[in-house]
Protein backbone atom coordinates (compact mmCIF):
# COMPACT_ATOMS: atom_id res chain seq x y z
CA MET A 1 17.09 6.62 -18.07
CA MET A 2 13.41 5.83 -17.70
CA THR A 3 12.87 4.35 -21.07
CA ARG A 4 13.62 0.76 -22.25
CA THR A 5 13.76 -1.12 -25.48
CA SER A 6 10.38 -2.77 -26.13
CA ARG A 7 10.51 -6.43 -26.56
CA THR A 8 8.38 -9.11 -28.30
CA SER A 9 5.46 -9.90 -25.92
CA SER A 10 5.01 -13.45 -27.34
CA ILE A 11 8.23 -14.81 -25.66
CA LEU A 12 8.19 -16.31 -22.26
CA ALA A 13 10.75 -14.36 -20.22
CA LEU A 14 12.32 -15.08 -16.74
CA ALA A 15 13.19 -12.04 -14.77
CA VAL A 16 15.40 -12.59 -11.72
CA VAL A 17 16.35 -9.90 -9.27
CA LEU A 18 19.54 -10.80 -7.26
CA VAL A 19 20.25 -9.25 -4.06
CA SER A 20 23.35 -10.32 -2.10
CA GLY A 21 25.67 -9.46 0.72
CA CYS A 22 25.87 -7.76 4.01
CA GLY A 23 22.37 -6.39 4.51
CA ARG A 24 21.03 -4.96 7.73
CA ASP A 25 18.59 -6.66 10.03
CA SER A 26 15.28 -5.92 8.63
CA ALA A 27 13.53 -5.42 11.99
CA ALA A 28 12.92 -1.92 12.86
CA PRO A 29 12.81 -0.31 16.31
CA SER A 30 9.39 0.17 17.82
CA ASP A 31 9.04 3.97 17.47
CA GLU A 32 7.60 6.22 14.86
CA ALA A 33 10.69 8.25 14.38
CA GLY A 34 11.55 9.38 10.99
CA SER A 35 8.89 9.51 8.14
CA ASN A 36 6.58 6.66 9.08
CA GLY A 37 2.87 7.02 9.07
CA GLY A 38 -0.13 4.83 9.23
CA SER A 39 -1.06 2.64 6.39
CA GLY A 40 -4.39 1.03 5.67
CA GLY A 41 -6.22 -1.46 3.56
CA ALA A 42 -6.73 -1.26 -0.21
CA SER A 43 -9.73 -1.88 -2.34
CA SER A 44 -10.25 -2.28 -5.84
CA THR A 45 -12.01 -0.98 -8.94
CA GLY A 46 -12.62 -4.45 -10.14
CA ALA A 47 -9.53 -6.60 -9.40
CA GLY A 48 -9.86 -10.16 -8.43
CA GLY A 49 -10.16 -11.64 -5.10
CA ALA A 50 -7.64 -13.32 -2.78
CA ALA A 51 -4.82 -15.20 -4.30
CA GLY A 52 -3.73 -18.38 -2.64
CA SER A 53 -0.24 -18.58 -1.30
CA SER A 54 0.62 -21.57 -3.44
CA SER A 55 -2.14 -21.47 -6.06
CA GLY A 56 -1.58 -22.77 -9.40
CA ALA A 57 1.00 -25.27 -10.46
CA LEU A 58 4.15 -25.27 -12.70
CA ALA A 59 5.21 -28.51 -14.13
CA GLY A 60 8.70 -29.77 -13.14
CA SER A 61 11.78 -29.76 -15.20
CA GLY A 62 10.92 -30.89 -18.67
CA GLY A 63 7.29 -30.12 -18.14
CA ALA A 64 5.07 -27.33 -19.13
CA LEU A 65 3.75 -24.31 -17.39
CA ALA A 66 0.15 -24.62 -16.28
CA GLY A 67 -2.05 -21.76 -17.39
CA SER A 68 -1.82 -19.06 -14.73
CA GLY A 69 -4.56 -16.50 -14.14
CA GLY A 70 -4.19 -12.81 -13.48
CA ALA A 71 -3.12 -9.90 -15.62
CA GLY A 72 0.04 -8.67 -17.15
CA ALA A 73 3.01 -10.57 -18.56
CA VAL A 74 6.51 -9.52 -17.99
CA SER A 75 7.04 -6.42 -19.98
CA ALA A 76 10.51 -7.02 -21.22
CA ALA A 77 11.42 -10.25 -22.86
CA SER A 78 14.37 -11.33 -24.88
CA THR A 79 13.88 -11.11 -28.69
CA SER A 80 15.75 -14.42 -28.93
CA GLY A 81 13.90 -17.25 -30.64
CA ALA A 82 12.88 -20.55 -29.15
CA SER A 83 15.38 -22.43 -31.35
CA GLY A 84 18.58 -20.95 -29.87
CA GLY A 85 20.58 -21.54 -26.68
CA SER A 86 18.93 -24.10 -24.50
CA GLY A 87 15.63 -24.40 -26.22
CA GLY A 88 14.22 -27.62 -27.78
CA SER A 89 11.86 -30.32 -26.72
CA PRO A 90 10.72 -30.10 -23.06
CA SER A 91 11.08 -33.90 -22.87
CA GLU A 92 14.74 -33.99 -24.05
CA PRO A 93 17.45 -34.83 -21.34
CA ARG A 94 18.80 -31.85 -19.51
CA PRO A 95 22.48 -31.32 -18.95
CA THR A 96 24.16 -31.31 -15.51
CA VAL A 97 25.01 -27.69 -14.72
CA THR A 98 28.21 -26.97 -12.65
CA ALA A 99 29.27 -23.76 -11.32
CA ALA A 100 31.84 -21.78 -13.32
CA PRO A 101 35.05 -21.11 -11.59
CA GLY A 102 34.64 -18.41 -8.89
CA THR A 103 30.93 -18.45 -8.90
CA GLU A 104 28.15 -19.75 -6.72
CA LEU A 105 25.72 -22.31 -8.20
CA VAL A 106 22.11 -21.18 -7.83
CA THR A 107 19.06 -23.27 -8.93
CA VAL A 108 15.82 -21.79 -10.11
CA ASP A 109 13.13 -24.41 -9.69
CA ALA A 110 9.78 -23.71 -11.40
CA SER A 111 8.14 -26.88 -9.98
CA VAL A 112 8.11 -25.25 -6.51
CA VAL A 113 5.52 -22.49 -6.59
CA HIS A 114 5.01 -19.88 -3.89
CA GLN A 115 2.44 -16.94 -3.70
CA SER A 116 0.54 -15.71 -6.68
CA PHE A 117 1.06 -11.89 -6.76
CA GLU A 118 -1.49 -9.16 -6.99
CA GLY A 119 0.88 -6.42 -7.36
CA TRP A 120 2.90 -3.37 -5.99
CA GLY A 121 1.61 -0.21 -4.48
CA THR A 122 1.76 2.84 -2.19
CA SER A 123 -0.32 4.54 0.35
CA LEU A 124 -1.66 7.86 -0.83
CA CYS A 125 -1.15 9.88 2.41
CA TRP A 126 0.77 11.93 2.71
CA TRP A 127 2.29 12.45 -0.67
CA ALA A 128 -1.07 12.75 -2.51
CA ASP A 129 -2.28 15.39 -0.21
CA HIS A 130 1.01 17.18 -1.14
CA VAL A 131 0.92 16.73 -4.87
CA GLY A 132 -2.93 17.05 -5.13
CA GLY A 133 -2.49 20.69 -4.57
CA TRP A 134 -0.33 21.25 -7.71
CA GLN A 135 -1.68 22.34 -11.02
CA GLU A 136 -3.56 19.44 -12.86
CA ALA A 137 -0.94 18.81 -15.59
CA LYS A 138 1.98 18.89 -12.87
CA ARG A 139 0.18 16.40 -10.59
CA ASN A 140 -0.87 14.11 -13.31
CA ALA A 141 2.90 13.75 -14.27
CA VAL A 142 3.57 12.37 -10.85
CA VAL A 143 0.66 9.88 -11.22
CA GLU A 144 2.19 8.75 -14.51
CA ALA A 145 5.48 8.12 -12.90
CA VAL A 146 3.66 5.92 -10.32
CA VAL A 147 1.22 3.92 -12.53
CA ASP A 148 3.04 3.70 -15.98
CA PRO A 149 4.43 0.04 -16.28
CA VAL A 150 7.07 0.99 -18.96
CA ASN A 151 8.54 4.26 -17.85
CA GLY A 152 7.41 4.47 -14.31
CA LEU A 153 6.80 2.21 -11.30
CA GLY A 154 3.72 0.42 -12.70
CA TYR A 155 2.08 0.27 -9.35
CA ASN A 156 -1.58 -0.97 -9.26
CA VAL A 157 -2.28 -1.14 -5.44
CA PHE A 158 -3.17 1.98 -3.70
CA ARG A 159 -4.33 2.76 -0.17
CA TYR A 160 -6.59 5.74 0.35
CA ASN A 161 -6.50 7.35 3.81
CA ILE A 162 -9.82 8.23 5.37
CA GLY A 163 -8.72 11.15 7.54
CA GLY A 164 -10.01 11.57 10.91
CA GLY A 165 -9.79 15.33 10.97
CA GLU A 166 -8.15 17.22 13.84
CA ASN A 167 -9.60 19.55 16.39
CA PRO A 168 -9.40 22.88 14.67
CA SER A 169 -8.73 24.67 18.00
CA HIS A 170 -5.03 23.40 18.10
CA GLU A 171 -2.45 22.71 15.53
CA HIS A 172 0.45 20.30 16.16
CA MET A 173 0.72 17.89 13.19
CA LYS A 174 3.29 18.18 10.46
CA GLU A 175 2.31 19.64 7.06
CA HIS A 176 0.21 17.12 5.00
CA ARG A 177 -0.01 14.73 7.86
CA GLU A 178 -3.22 16.30 9.23
CA MET A 179 -5.63 14.56 6.65
CA PRO A 180 -9.02 16.33 6.38
CA GLY A 181 -11.92 14.36 7.81
CA PHE A 182 -15.52 14.34 6.40
CA GLN A 183 -17.76 14.24 9.48
CA SER A 184 -18.41 17.03 12.10
CA ALA A 185 -19.43 16.44 15.82
CA ASP A 186 -23.03 17.34 14.85
CA GLY A 187 -23.03 14.24 12.50
CA THR A 188 -23.05 16.13 9.22
CA PHE A 189 -20.75 15.21 6.25
CA THR A 190 -18.77 17.67 4.22
CA TRP A 191 -17.81 15.72 1.10
CA GLU A 192 -15.89 18.60 -0.50
CA ASN A 193 -13.09 18.05 2.09
CA ASP A 194 -9.85 16.06 1.20
CA ALA A 195 -9.90 17.47 -2.47
CA ARG A 196 -6.10 17.02 -2.81
CA GLN A 197 -5.85 13.34 -1.97
CA ARG A 198 -9.07 12.76 -3.92
CA ALA A 199 -7.55 14.42 -6.98
CA ILE A 200 -4.76 12.02 -7.06
CA LEU A 201 -7.09 8.95 -6.43
CA LEU A 202 -9.31 9.88 -9.30
CA ARG A 203 -6.46 10.32 -11.68
CA ILE A 204 -5.00 6.99 -10.68
CA ALA A 205 -8.51 5.38 -11.41
CA GLU A 206 -8.38 6.97 -14.82
CA ARG A 207 -4.76 6.00 -15.79
CA GLY A 208 -4.06 2.89 -13.97
CA ALA A 209 -4.55 -0.81 -14.82
CA ASP A 210 -5.44 -3.89 -12.72
CA LEU A 211 -6.13 -1.56 -9.93
CA ILE A 212 -6.88 -2.54 -6.36
CA PHE A 213 -7.97 0.24 -3.88
CA GLU A 214 -7.97 -0.18 -0.10
CA ALA A 215 -9.36 2.49 2.31
CA PHE A 216 -7.71 2.80 5.68
CA SER A 217 -7.88 4.84 8.84
CA ASN A 218 -5.14 6.16 11.18
CA SER A 219 -7.58 7.66 13.72
CA PRO A 220 -11.16 8.28 14.40
CA PRO A 221 -12.36 11.91 14.09
CA TYR A 222 -11.12 13.86 17.05
CA TRP A 223 -14.57 14.35 18.55
CA MET A 224 -14.99 10.51 18.99
CA THR A 225 -11.74 10.28 20.91
CA ASN A 226 -11.19 10.29 24.72
CA SER A 227 -8.32 12.97 24.43
CA GLY A 228 -10.17 15.14 21.77
CA CYS A 229 -7.09 14.67 19.68
CA ALA A 230 -6.66 12.58 16.48
CA SER A 231 -3.01 11.77 17.25
CA GLY A 232 -3.66 9.69 20.21
CA SER A 233 -4.56 9.53 23.89
CA SER A 234 -2.76 11.23 26.77
CA ASN A 235 -0.92 7.78 27.64
CA GLY A 236 -0.82 5.92 24.40
CA LYS A 237 -3.75 3.70 25.21
CA ASP A 238 -7.15 3.21 23.67
CA ASN A 239 -8.50 6.51 22.42
CA LEU A 240 -11.89 5.70 20.77
CA LYS A 241 -14.59 6.35 23.21
CA ALA A 242 -16.32 3.24 24.40
CA ASP A 243 -19.74 4.45 23.23
CA HIS A 244 -18.46 5.48 19.72
CA TYR A 245 -17.53 2.03 18.08
CA ASP A 246 -20.68 2.13 16.06
CA ASP A 247 -20.32 5.74 15.12
CA PHE A 248 -16.69 5.22 13.97
CA ALA A 249 -17.73 2.20 11.85
CA HIS A 250 -20.57 4.30 10.52
CA TYR A 251 -18.10 6.98 9.53
CA LEU A 252 -15.81 4.69 7.68
CA THR A 253 -18.52 2.83 5.92
CA GLU A 254 -20.31 6.02 4.78
CA VAL A 255 -17.03 7.14 3.15
CA VAL A 256 -16.82 3.88 1.30
CA ARG A 257 -20.44 4.26 0.25
CA HIS A 258 -19.88 7.78 -0.87
CA TYR A 259 -16.83 6.97 -3.00
CA LYS A 260 -18.68 4.08 -4.63
CA ASP A 261 -21.98 6.11 -5.41
CA LYS A 262 -20.20 9.43 -6.41
CA TYR A 263 -17.03 8.31 -8.14
CA GLY A 264 -17.40 4.68 -9.03
CA ILE A 265 -14.50 3.69 -6.71
CA THR A 266 -15.05 0.42 -4.92
CA PHE A 267 -12.74 -0.10 -2.16
CA ARG A 268 -11.94 -3.83 -2.08
CA THR A 269 -10.88 -3.66 1.47
CA LEU A 270 -11.50 -1.28 4.39
CA GLU A 271 -8.91 -1.26 7.26
CA PRO A 272 -10.11 0.52 10.49
CA LEU A 273 -6.73 0.08 12.25
CA ASN A 274 -3.23 1.25 11.85
CA GLU A 275 -0.27 -0.04 13.91
CA PRO A 276 -3.00 -0.35 16.75
CA PHE A 277 -0.98 -2.21 19.37
CA ALA A 278 1.73 0.42 19.40
CA ASP A 279 1.90 2.65 22.44
CA TRP A 280 3.37 5.80 20.74
CA TRP A 281 0.04 7.21 19.65
CA LYS A 282 -0.19 10.12 21.97
CA SER A 283 -2.00 13.48 22.01
CA ASN A 284 -0.39 16.46 20.34
CA GLY A 285 1.64 14.22 18.18
CA SER A 286 3.02 14.88 14.60
CA GLN A 287 0.48 12.61 12.81
CA GLU A 288 -2.88 10.84 13.25
CA GLY A 289 -2.89 7.63 15.19
CA CYS A 290 -4.73 5.51 17.67
CA HIS A 291 -4.06 2.64 19.93
CA PHE A 292 -6.47 -0.35 20.12
CA ASP A 293 -5.93 -3.15 22.58
CA ARG A 294 -6.55 -6.63 21.33
CA ALA A 295 -10.21 -6.80 22.55
CA SER A 296 -10.78 -3.29 21.08
CA GLN A 297 -9.46 -4.30 17.74
CA GLU A 298 -11.83 -7.30 17.66
CA LYS A 299 -14.73 -4.93 18.58
CA ILE A 300 -14.17 -2.49 15.79
CA ILE A 301 -13.35 -5.17 13.18
CA GLN A 302 -16.73 -6.85 13.99
CA GLU A 303 -18.64 -3.48 13.95
CA VAL A 304 -17.20 -2.44 10.56
CA ALA A 305 -18.01 -5.81 9.00
CA LYS A 306 -21.58 -5.69 10.34
CA GLN A 307 -22.14 -2.23 8.93
CA LEU A 308 -20.60 -3.03 5.51
CA THR A 309 -23.12 -5.83 5.33
CA SER A 310 -26.10 -3.97 6.58
CA LYS A 311 -25.50 -1.09 4.08
CA GLY A 312 -25.22 -3.41 1.15
CA LEU A 313 -21.53 -2.78 0.59
CA GLY A 314 -20.67 -6.44 0.13
CA GLU A 315 -17.90 -5.71 -2.51
CA THR A 316 -15.86 -4.19 0.42
CA VAL A 317 -14.56 -6.47 3.12
CA VAL A 318 -12.43 -5.77 6.19
CA SER A 319 -8.72 -6.05 6.48
CA ALA A 320 -6.66 -6.08 9.70
CA SER A 321 -4.62 -5.20 11.53
CA ASP A 322 -1.63 -3.31 10.04
CA GLU A 323 0.59 -3.97 13.06
CA ASN A 324 4.01 -2.29 13.00
CA SER A 325 5.51 -5.52 14.17
CA MET A 326 4.96 -8.86 12.50
CA ASP A 327 5.36 -10.49 15.85
CA ASP A 328 2.56 -8.47 17.33
CA ALA A 329 0.43 -9.49 14.30
CA VAL A 330 1.02 -13.19 14.92
CA ARG A 331 0.30 -12.87 18.66
CA ASN A 332 -2.87 -10.72 18.24
CA ILE A 333 -4.48 -12.23 15.29
CA GLY A 334 -3.66 -15.70 16.48
CA ALA A 335 -5.61 -15.01 19.60
CA PHE A 336 -8.69 -13.54 17.86
CA GLY A 337 -12.00 -15.20 18.48
CA ALA A 338 -13.93 -16.99 15.80
CA GLY A 339 -16.37 -14.22 15.36
CA THR A 340 -13.59 -11.75 14.63
CA LEU A 341 -11.80 -14.17 12.20
CA ALA A 342 -14.96 -14.53 10.27
CA ALA A 343 -15.34 -10.75 10.12
CA PHE A 344 -12.20 -9.86 8.03
CA GLN A 345 -10.84 -11.44 4.94
CA GLN A 346 -7.22 -10.03 4.55
CA ILE A 347 -4.29 -9.75 6.92
CA ASN A 348 -2.26 -6.53 6.50
CA VAL A 349 1.02 -6.16 8.21
CA HIS A 350 3.96 -3.68 8.17
CA SER A 351 7.51 -5.15 7.92
CA TYR A 352 9.17 -2.52 9.99
CA ALA A 353 9.72 -4.63 13.01
CA GLY A 354 9.61 -8.24 14.18
CA SER A 355 11.06 -11.48 12.68
CA GLN A 356 8.19 -13.86 12.44
CA ARG A 357 7.55 -13.65 8.71
CA THR A 358 7.23 -17.30 8.18
CA GLN A 359 5.03 -17.76 11.24
CA LEU A 360 2.55 -15.09 9.92
CA ARG A 361 2.59 -16.64 6.47
CA GLN A 362 1.64 -19.95 8.04
CA LEU A 363 -1.07 -18.41 10.15
CA ALA A 364 -2.54 -16.57 7.20
CA THR A 365 -2.58 -19.83 5.19
CA ARG A 366 -4.15 -21.71 8.05
CA LEU A 367 -6.89 -19.07 8.42
CA GLY A 368 -7.45 -18.79 4.57
CA LYS A 369 -6.62 -15.10 4.62
CA ARG A 370 -4.96 -13.02 1.89
CA LEU A 371 -1.76 -11.55 3.23
CA TRP A 372 -0.36 -8.15 2.28
CA GLN A 373 2.79 -6.44 3.25
CA SER A 374 0.98 -3.12 3.52
CA GLU A 375 3.61 -0.65 4.66
CA SER A 376 7.36 -0.48 4.91
CA GLY A 377 10.24 1.83 4.78
CA PRO A 378 13.74 2.47 6.46
CA LEU A 379 12.32 3.18 9.89
CA GLY A 380 14.98 3.59 12.60
CA GLN A 381 17.82 2.88 9.98
CA SER A 382 20.96 5.01 9.58
CA ILE A 383 20.96 5.70 5.86
CA SER A 384 23.97 7.45 4.41
CA ASP A 385 22.75 8.35 0.95
CA ASP A 386 20.31 7.54 -1.88
CA THR A 387 22.03 4.41 -3.03
CA ASP A 388 22.13 3.11 0.54
CA ALA A 389 18.43 3.69 0.94
CA ALA A 390 17.78 1.87 -2.39
CA LEU A 391 19.87 -1.17 -1.37
CA PHE A 392 18.46 -1.36 2.07
CA MET A 393 14.87 -1.33 0.71
CA ALA A 394 15.77 -3.97 -1.91
CA GLU A 395 16.98 -6.33 0.87
CA ARG A 396 13.64 -5.61 2.79
CA ILE A 397 11.58 -6.34 -0.30
CA ILE A 398 13.41 -9.61 -1.07
CA LYS A 399 13.23 -10.86 2.52
CA ASP A 400 9.47 -10.05 2.77
CA LEU A 401 8.82 -11.77 -0.63
CA ARG A 402 10.78 -14.90 0.28
CA GLU A 403 9.70 -15.33 3.94
CA LEU A 404 6.46 -13.54 4.45
CA LYS A 405 5.29 -14.42 1.02
CA PRO A 406 2.69 -11.59 0.70
CA GLU A 407 0.27 -11.45 -2.22
CA ALA A 408 0.98 -7.68 -2.48
CA TRP A 409 3.98 -5.50 -1.37
CA VAL A 410 3.16 -1.89 -0.62
CA ASP A 411 5.47 1.09 0.03
CA TRP A 412 4.67 3.71 2.49
CA GLN A 413 5.61 6.90 0.71
CA SER A 414 6.31 7.34 -2.90
CA GLY A 415 7.25 11.14 -2.20
CA ASP A 416 8.38 12.24 1.10
CA PRO A 417 10.54 15.21 2.51
CA SER A 418 12.90 12.57 3.72
CA ARG A 419 14.88 11.30 0.78
CA SER A 420 15.51 7.88 2.24
CA TRP A 421 11.76 7.20 2.37
CA ALA A 422 10.93 8.42 -1.13
CA SER A 423 11.05 7.10 -4.70
CA PHE A 424 11.03 10.77 -6.04
CA THR A 425 11.63 14.25 -4.75
CA LEU A 426 8.92 16.86 -4.76
CA ASN A 427 9.58 20.49 -5.78
CA ASP A 428 6.76 22.87 -4.80
CA SER A 429 8.16 25.97 -6.36
CA GLN A 430 8.39 24.20 -9.66
CA GLN A 431 5.66 21.75 -9.02
CA ALA A 432 7.93 18.98 -10.37
CA TYR A 433 9.26 15.60 -9.19
CA ALA A 434 12.60 13.91 -9.84
CA PRO A 435 13.26 10.18 -9.52
CA LEU A 436 15.70 8.95 -6.81
CA LYS A 437 17.69 5.70 -6.65
CA ARG A 438 14.79 4.15 -4.83
CA PHE A 439 12.56 4.77 -7.87
CA TYR A 440 14.82 2.81 -10.13
CA MET A 441 15.39 0.07 -7.55
CA HIS A 442 11.57 -0.38 -7.05
CA ALA A 443 11.13 -0.33 -10.90
CA GLY A 444 13.69 -3.17 -11.15
CA PHE A 445 11.10 -5.22 -9.35
CA SER A 446 7.70 -3.74 -10.39
CA ARG A 447 8.17 -3.30 -14.12
CA TYR A 448 9.16 -6.99 -14.49
CA ILE A 449 7.27 -8.78 -11.77
CA ARG A 450 3.66 -7.85 -12.88
CA PRO A 451 0.28 -8.66 -11.36
CA GLY A 452 -0.62 -12.26 -11.80
CA ALA A 453 3.05 -13.43 -11.62
CA ARG A 454 3.89 -16.58 -9.43
CA PHE A 455 6.99 -16.67 -7.28
CA VAL A 456 9.01 -19.81 -7.67
CA ASP A 457 11.89 -21.23 -5.75
CA VAL A 458 15.46 -19.95 -5.97
CA ASP A 459 17.91 -21.22 -3.51
CA SER A 460 19.70 -18.05 -2.57
CA ALA A 461 18.56 -15.58 0.01
CA ASP A 462 19.81 -12.61 -2.06
CA MET A 463 17.26 -13.00 -4.87
CA VAL A 464 13.68 -13.63 -5.98
CA ALA A 465 12.29 -15.33 -9.04
CA ALA A 466 8.77 -15.09 -10.49
CA ILE A 467 7.02 -16.44 -13.64
CA SER A 468 4.77 -14.10 -15.53
CA ALA A 469 1.01 -14.54 -15.55
CA ASP A 470 1.08 -15.92 -19.07
CA GLY A 471 3.85 -18.24 -18.34
CA SER A 472 6.11 -16.37 -20.96
CA SER A 473 8.78 -15.11 -18.72
CA LEU A 474 10.72 -15.53 -15.44
CA SER A 475 12.07 -12.50 -13.58
CA LEU A 476 15.10 -12.70 -11.36
CA VAL A 477 15.94 -9.85 -9.19
CA VAL A 478 19.44 -10.10 -7.49
CA ARG A 479 20.93 -7.74 -4.82
CA ASN A 480 24.60 -7.56 -4.06
CA GLY A 481 24.86 -5.63 -0.76
CA ASP A 482 28.67 -6.03 -0.52
CA ARG A 483 29.87 -2.47 -0.86
CA ASN A 484 33.31 -3.49 -2.19
CA ALA A 485 33.16 -6.91 -3.97
CA SER A 486 31.30 -8.18 -6.88
CA ARG A 487 29.74 -11.65 -6.75
CA GLY A 488 29.59 -14.45 -9.41
CA TYR A 489 26.63 -16.73 -10.00
CA THR A 490 25.97 -19.68 -12.10
CA PHE A 491 22.21 -20.09 -12.67
CA ASP A 492 21.06 -23.67 -13.16
CA LEU A 493 17.89 -23.34 -15.24
CA THR A 494 17.33 -27.06 -16.02
CA ARG A 495 14.23 -26.99 -13.88
CA LEU A 496 12.54 -24.72 -16.18
CA PRO A 497 10.19 -25.84 -18.91
CA THR A 498 12.23 -24.11 -21.57
CA VAL A 499 14.72 -21.17 -21.84
CA GLY A 500 15.72 -19.02 -24.70
CA PRO A 501 19.32 -18.27 -25.88
CA ALA A 502 19.80 -14.98 -23.98
CA ALA A 503 18.72 -13.08 -20.98
CA GLU A 504 17.72 -9.33 -20.83
CA VAL A 505 19.68 -7.45 -18.15
CA HIS A 506 18.79 -4.26 -16.19
CA ARG A 507 20.87 -2.79 -13.31
CA THR A 508 20.77 -0.10 -10.62
CA SER A 509 23.95 0.93 -8.72
CA ARG A 510 25.74 4.01 -7.67
CA THR A 511 26.53 4.77 -11.37
CA GLU A 512 23.44 3.13 -13.15
CA ASP A 513 19.77 3.90 -13.07
CA LEU A 514 17.96 0.72 -14.24
CA GLU A 515 20.37 0.67 -17.11
CA GLN A 516 19.68 -1.81 -19.82
CA LEU A 517 22.82 -3.82 -20.41
CA PRO A 518 23.81 -6.13 -23.27
CA ASP A 519 21.84 -9.53 -23.29
CA MET A 520 23.76 -12.35 -21.64
CA ALA A 521 24.08 -15.75 -23.30
CA ILE A 522 22.31 -18.89 -21.92
CA GLU A 523 24.14 -22.08 -22.94
CA GLY A 524 23.06 -25.57 -21.88
CA TYR A 525 20.39 -24.22 -19.36
CA ARG A 526 23.36 -22.35 -17.75
CA LEU A 527 23.65 -18.64 -17.18
CA VAL A 528 26.88 -17.24 -15.78
CA VAL A 529 26.85 -13.67 -14.42
CA THR A 530 28.87 -11.32 -12.37
CA VAL A 531 26.95 -8.94 -10.18
CA PRO A 532 28.84 -5.74 -9.27
CA ALA A 533 29.18 -4.50 -5.64
CA PHE A 534 26.27 -2.59 -4.25
CA SER A 535 23.83 -3.16 -6.99
CA VAL A 536 20.38 -4.60 -7.97
CA THR A 537 20.17 -6.44 -11.24
CA THR A 538 17.12 -7.79 -12.95
CA PHE A 539 17.45 -10.66 -15.39
CA VAL A 540 14.65 -11.39 -17.80
CA ILE A 541 14.94 -14.98 -19.15
CA PRO A 542 12.82 -15.95 -22.09
CA MET A 543 10.98 -19.30 -22.00
CA PRO A 544 9.83 -19.84 -25.58
């Protein structure tokens, strides 16, 4: 069920997603098995700049929400009025909340504010190359499922892949993974290339809201490489020729300029790297890829930044480095020289591998860089079915949001031949899509935690909480990863400015697809809930 009851927009709602129980270790093995591909930086058609990791403030219990910037309030709020339940004067004494029998007491504290949120997103390769070949009406339906904030995922962050283009003399990449390039070895550009991915990009630009676009590269064009192959070198080491750094930077920045001049698409960021420190990018592989040692990363980052400036493309800045491992990102970026640090404005990282989420957050804050989780998926995981995939990824999202605290969270593939990597299936014979459990799980976050929201403290590792941009709602998303047992929670809401009399509830489980359930009463700033086994539940709490 992809529709939901519309709610009064004037009411402040709190949406909480709860995730609990026996989740897997979020670290992924350091290989590119499965469906993983490179991800890149996103740019925008006019979205704002970097959001601080703790920007803005919310008054403490009994106080008032400070006006928060950004776009989009929580889209579903309780219709309950301000006079019911726990409403009343913000200065009145708050009750002492105790746990109901058999439940865990969890406190939501709006006075502790974490990252401001820019939004949710996906890379376009390879699914856009796939769907972009369908009839216009059919491919537009898929775009609607991705961008519509009411019936779809409501994504607003999109990463466009600047393909390297492979040597036409040999074929070895999987279907839709060989992304067309634009420049030939003689230096000429053929802008008609990459029509399928471009069709999806332009439709998103027409239909989406609060859009942020990033351009990213997985590999230089094959003729710039040592191996003559866009999937990597013979030994997994640096593959960009030493005398082609300026040529590669020219290629990337010319694509950025073309899309701005021809289509009015301004990429906010340009990412020249993808999992650059990994050693699995080898010739004759199944997808584009290129290794860059740390010194080589610094060289290309600086060269791209220099050419963006020299070409008057100041609205686009560099992002780096999209490492597969968060630990590699901490080590490499932490060792970059001052010139390199000045050349890029956004840190991108994939949350497949590594454990140093908090360390990377601290590094980004110290350096004054925006931080994105720019690619993730169930790499290296044993996934038994669609629900298992959804619950695994819900755990990953919550862990990333709580520890890494990114300003945006970007999925790798919305559509993929591997069901565990996808939010929807793609049927070429019928040119149709069908939502999977991951679609409903992701929507449980992305429909209710909208751009401009601010994450606030909730003292349970199985959930996240965010206040809407206009201060009218809080969204709680709770995951119960226990396959057999339900879990009970008593939410202490006394540290919110106000709360309404009831919370709106949406749930995804083996038998539910983001089903809207009856509202749950809030009494004395106390919300008592039972979360079924193996489920993801979103609570929208009004704050009138």
